[in-house]
Each structure stands twice: as C-alpha cells, then as structure tokens.
Amino acid sequence: MTRYVIGPDVAIRLAHDQAVIGDEHQILAPTLLRSQLLSSLYQAVDRGDMTRKDAERRLNYVRGLRIRLLGDRVLQDVAWKVADQLGWPDRPRKDIHDDCRQRAAGVARSSAG
C-alpha cells in the first residue's frame, strides 16, 4: 500500500479534480487538515476565487475521503522531539514534519516488503 501525506492545498486539488483514490493508496494528514481546509476554502470564497457552492462541494468531497488523521500520542511525542531538535517554535510545524517522517518510514517498509 502506498501512503501519501497531504495538506489542505493537495486536498483542495484532489477535490477540484474529483480524483478517485484507489484502495491500494492510503491518505494520511495532520489532524489540523480539517480546520486548515475550512480556512483555505473560506479565504478563497472571500477573495472571490471560487463560489461558496464550489467551496462546499470541495469540502464535501474531502469529507468523503478515507483519510487517516495523524495526531495520536506516539506521533505527538515524536513531533515534540523533532521540534526540539530543530528549534521550531510552534506545534503545527512539528506535526507536519512528523507526518512526513511517518510517510517516509511507511514507504520504506512498503518497498522492503
């Protein structure tokens, strides 16, 4: 199984393209994805980049995806350690970096198997 870690920009693109995600793929995302997605769509509507109806369609599309939200205790502990090592001042950056490390580890395991 191939794992992909996505952020709100990719989620919006998938929704725009109405991408079909096969069972051989797993989508992972930071737990912040939901609030970041809502914020991004709201801002796009506010700027006039899309209609509210289009934003709602994209939001509903993403809600329908099978996404594993990465925010469990082990991931948070690793994120904390990484942030300390890199001197990062805020938690969201730690979580995103940790998600990338998890994806890399998963891809390595998938390739080895």
C-alpha atoms as a PDB file:
ATOM      1  CA  MET A   1       0.000   0.000   0.000  1.00  0.00           C
ATOM      2  CA  THR A   2       1.333   3.416  -0.939  1.00  0.00           C
ATOM      3  CA  ARG A   3       0.855   6.133   1.657  1.00  0.00           C
ATOM      4  CA  TYR A   4       0.535   9.820   0.901  1.00  0.00           C
ATOM      5  CA  VAL A   5       0.630  12.625   3.435  1.00  0.00           C
ATOM      6  CA  ILE A   6      -1.418  15.575   2.227  1.00  0.00           C
ATOM      7  CA  GLY A   7      -2.050  19.113   3.350  1.00  0.00           C
ATOM      8  CA  PRO A   8      -5.028  21.368   2.659  1.00  0.00           C
ATOM      9  CA  ASP A   9      -3.642  22.519  -0.711  1.00  0.00           C
ATOM     10  CA  VAL A  10      -3.479  18.946  -2.005  1.00  0.00           C
ATOM     11  CA  ALA A  11      -6.897  18.124  -0.533  1.00  0.00           C
ATOM     12  CA  ILE A  12      -8.383  21.087  -2.405  1.00  0.00           C
ATOM     13  CA  ARG A  13      -6.673  19.984  -5.627  1.00  0.00           C
ATOM     14  CA  LEU A  14      -7.962  16.420  -5.252  1.00  0.00           C
ATOM     15  CA  ALA A  15     -11.448  17.808  -4.735  1.00  0.00           C
ATOM     16  CA  HIS A  16     -11.149  20.151  -7.729  1.00  0.00           C
ATOM     17  CA  ASP A  17     -10.054  17.224  -9.922  1.00  0.00           C
ATOM     18  CA  GLN A  18     -12.592  14.848  -8.317  1.00  0.00           C
ATOM     19  CA  ALA A  19      -9.726  12.363  -8.062  1.00  0.00           C
ATOM     20  CA  VAL A  20     -10.561   8.731  -7.454  1.00  0.00           C
ATOM     21  CA  ILE A  21      -8.297   7.266  -4.782  1.00  0.00           C
ATOM     22  CA  GLY A  22      -7.794   3.533  -5.246  1.00  0.00           C
ATOM     23  CA  ASP A  23      -7.749   1.022  -2.420  1.00  0.00           C
ATOM     24  CA  GLU A  24      -4.032   0.487  -2.998  1.00  0.00           C
ATOM     25  CA  HIS A  25      -3.384   4.004  -1.646  1.00  0.00           C
ATOM     26  CA  GLN A  26      -3.759   5.388   1.866  1.00  0.00           C
ATOM     27  CA  ILE A  27      -4.130   9.099   2.559  1.00  0.00           C
ATOM     28  CA  LEU A  28      -2.637  10.475   5.758  1.00  0.00           C
ATOM     29  CA  ALA A  29      -2.945  14.032   7.031  1.00  0.00           C
ATOM     30  CA  PRO A  30      -2.208  16.121  10.099  1.00  0.00           C
ATOM     31  CA  THR A  31      -5.196  16.466  12.410  1.00  0.00           C
ATOM     32  CA  LEU A  32      -5.101  20.160  11.523  1.00  0.00           C
ATOM     33  CA  LEU A  33      -6.217  19.323   7.980  1.00  0.00           C
ATOM     34  CA  ARG A  34      -9.899  19.896   8.699  1.00  0.00           C
ATOM     35  CA  SER A  35      -9.512  23.385  10.136  1.00  0.00           C
ATOM     36  CA  GLN A  36      -6.850  24.384   7.589  1.00  0.00           C
ATOM     37  CA  LEU A  37      -9.045  23.156   4.732  1.00  0.00           C
ATOM     38  CA  LEU A  38     -12.057  25.074   6.006  1.00  0.00           C
ATOM     39  CA  SER A  39      -9.939  28.200   6.447  1.00  0.00           C
ATOM     40  CA  SER A  40      -8.411  27.928   2.972  1.00  0.00           C
ATOM     41  CA  LEU A  41     -11.781  27.452   1.313  1.00  0.00           C
ATOM     42  CA  TYR A  42     -13.335  30.309   3.278  1.00  0.00           C
ATOM     43  CA  GLN A  43     -10.493  32.621   2.264  1.00  0.00           C
ATOM     44  CA  ALA A  44     -10.813  31.582  -1.394  1.00  0.00           C
ATOM     45  CA  VAL A  45     -14.516  32.434  -1.343  1.00  0.00           C
ATOM     46  CA  ASP A  46     -13.805  35.716   0.452  1.00  0.00           C
ATOM     47  CA  ARG A  47     -11.221  36.673  -2.214  1.00  0.00           C
ATOM     48  CA  GLY A  48     -13.672  35.749  -4.967  1.00  0.00           C
ATOM     49  CA  ASP A  49     -11.506  32.872  -6.240  1.00  0.00           C
ATOM     50  CA  MET A  50     -14.443  30.453  -6.044  1.00  0.00           C
ATOM     51  CA  THR A  51     -18.109  30.460  -5.177  1.00  0.00           C
ATOM     52  CA  ARG A  52     -19.437  29.268  -1.864  1.00  0.00           C
ATOM     53  CA  LYS A  53     -21.137  26.404  -3.688  1.00  0.00           C
ATOM     54  CA  ASP A  54     -17.802  25.300  -5.196  1.00  0.00           C
ATOM     55  CA  ALA A  55     -16.137  25.520  -1.774  1.00  0.00           C
ATOM     56  CA  GLU A  56     -18.902  23.419  -0.227  1.00  0.00           C
ATOM     57  CA  ARG A  57     -18.525  20.808  -2.989  1.00  0.00           C
ATOM     58  CA  ARG A  58     -14.808  20.577  -2.366  1.00  0.00           C
ATOM     59  CA  LEU A  59     -15.305  20.357   1.376  1.00  0.00           C
ATOM     60  CA  ASN A  60     -17.861  17.569   0.954  1.00  0.00           C
ATOM     61  CA  TYR A  61     -15.526  15.704  -1.401  1.00  0.00           C
ATOM     62  CA  VAL A  62     -12.697  15.787   1.159  1.00  0.00           C
ATOM     63  CA  ARG A  63     -15.087  14.753   3.935  1.00  0.00           C
ATOM     64  CA  GLY A  64     -15.869  11.666   1.867  1.00  0.00           C
ATOM     65  CA  LEU A  65     -12.249  10.579   1.542  1.00  0.00           C
ATOM     66  CA  ARG A  66     -10.830   7.890   3.790  1.00  0.00           C
ATOM     67  CA  ILE A  67      -8.113   9.927   5.495  1.00  0.00           C
ATOM     68  CA  ARG A  68      -6.125   8.732   8.495  1.00  0.00           C
ATOM     69  CA  LEU A  69      -5.572  11.780  10.638  1.00  0.00           C
ATOM     70  CA  LEU A  70      -2.182  11.652  12.301  1.00  0.00           C
ATOM     71  CA  GLY A  71      -2.458  13.052  15.764  1.00  0.00           C
ATOM     72  CA  ASP A  72      -2.130  10.129  18.104  1.00  0.00           C
ATOM     73  CA  ARG A  73       0.039  10.136  21.201  1.00  0.00           C
ATOM     74  CA  VAL A  74       3.095   8.408  19.700  1.00  0.00           C
ATOM     75  CA  LEU A  75       3.172  10.769  16.722  1.00  0.00           C
ATOM     76  CA  GLN A  76       2.824  13.763  19.014  1.00  0.00           C
ATOM     77  CA  ASP A  77       5.727  12.566  21.164  1.00  0.00           C
ATOM     78  CA  VAL A  78       7.958  12.114  18.111  1.00  0.00           C
ATOM     79  CA  ALA A  79       6.872  15.514  16.769  1.00  0.00           C
ATOM     80  CA  TRP A  80       7.808  17.139  20.063  1.00  0.00           C
ATOM     81  CA  LYS A  81      11.301  15.604  19.953  1.00  0.00           C
ATOM     82  CA  VAL A  82      11.844  16.630  16.337  1.00  0.00           C
ATOM     83  CA  ALA A  83      10.729  20.195  17.059  1.00  0.00           C
ATOM     84  CA  ASP A  84      13.146  20.402  19.977  1.00  0.00           C
ATOM     85  CA  GLN A  85      15.986  19.111  17.810  1.00  0.00           C
ATOM     86  CA  LEU A  86      15.231  21.615  15.035  1.00  0.00           C
ATOM     87  CA  GLY A  87      14.408  24.524  17.341  1.00  0.00           C
ATOM     88  CA  TRP A  88      10.896  25.034  15.948  1.00  0.00           C
ATOM     89  CA  PRO A  89       8.723  27.425  17.973  1.00  0.00           C
ATOM     90  CA  ASP A  90       5.250  26.106  17.058  1.00  0.00           C
ATOM     91  CA  ARG A  91       3.344  22.842  17.207  1.00  0.00           C
ATOM     92  CA  PRO A  92       1.752  22.759  13.698  1.00  0.00           C
ATOM     93  CA  ARG A  93       5.166  22.663  12.038  1.00  0.00           C
ATOM     94  CA  LYS A  94       6.171  19.831  14.348  1.00  0.00           C
ATOM     95  CA  ASP A  95       3.104  17.785  13.433  1.00  0.00           C
ATOM     96  CA  ILE A  96       3.597  18.295   9.704  1.00  0.00           C
ATOM     97  CA  HIS A  97       7.257  17.307   9.881  1.00  0.00           C
ATOM     98  CA  ASP A  98       6.364  14.229  11.898  1.00  0.00           C
ATOM     99  CA  ASP A  99       3.752  13.217   9.341  1.00  0.00           C
ATOM    100  CA  CYS A 100       6.416  13.387   6.646  1.00  0.00           C
ATOM    101  CA  ARG A 101       8.742  11.196   8.715  1.00  0.00           C
ATOM    102  CA  GLN A 102       5.942   8.680   9.214  1.00  0.00           C
ATOM    103  CA  ARG A 103       5.213   8.606   5.496  1.00  0.00           C
ATOM    104  CA  ALA A 104       8.868   8.075   4.679  1.00  0.00           C
ATOM    105  CA  ALA A 105       9.052   5.194   7.159  1.00  0.00           C
ATOM    106  CA  GLY A 106       5.902   3.659   5.674  1.00  0.00           C
ATOM    107  CA  VAL A 107       7.201   3.928   2.121  1.00  0.00           C
ATOM    108  CA  ALA A 108      10.490   2.308   3.179  1.00  0.00           C
ATOM    109  CA  ARG A 109       8.583  -0.565   4.808  1.00  0.00           C
ATOM    110  CA  SER A 110       6.362  -0.968   1.730  1.00  0.00           C
ATOM    111  CA  SER A 111       9.371  -1.052  -0.598  1.00  0.00           C
ATOM    112  CA  ALA A 112      11.197  -3.594   1.540  1.00  0.00           C
ATOM    113  CA  GLY A 113       8.217  -5.964   1.714  1.00  0.00           C
END
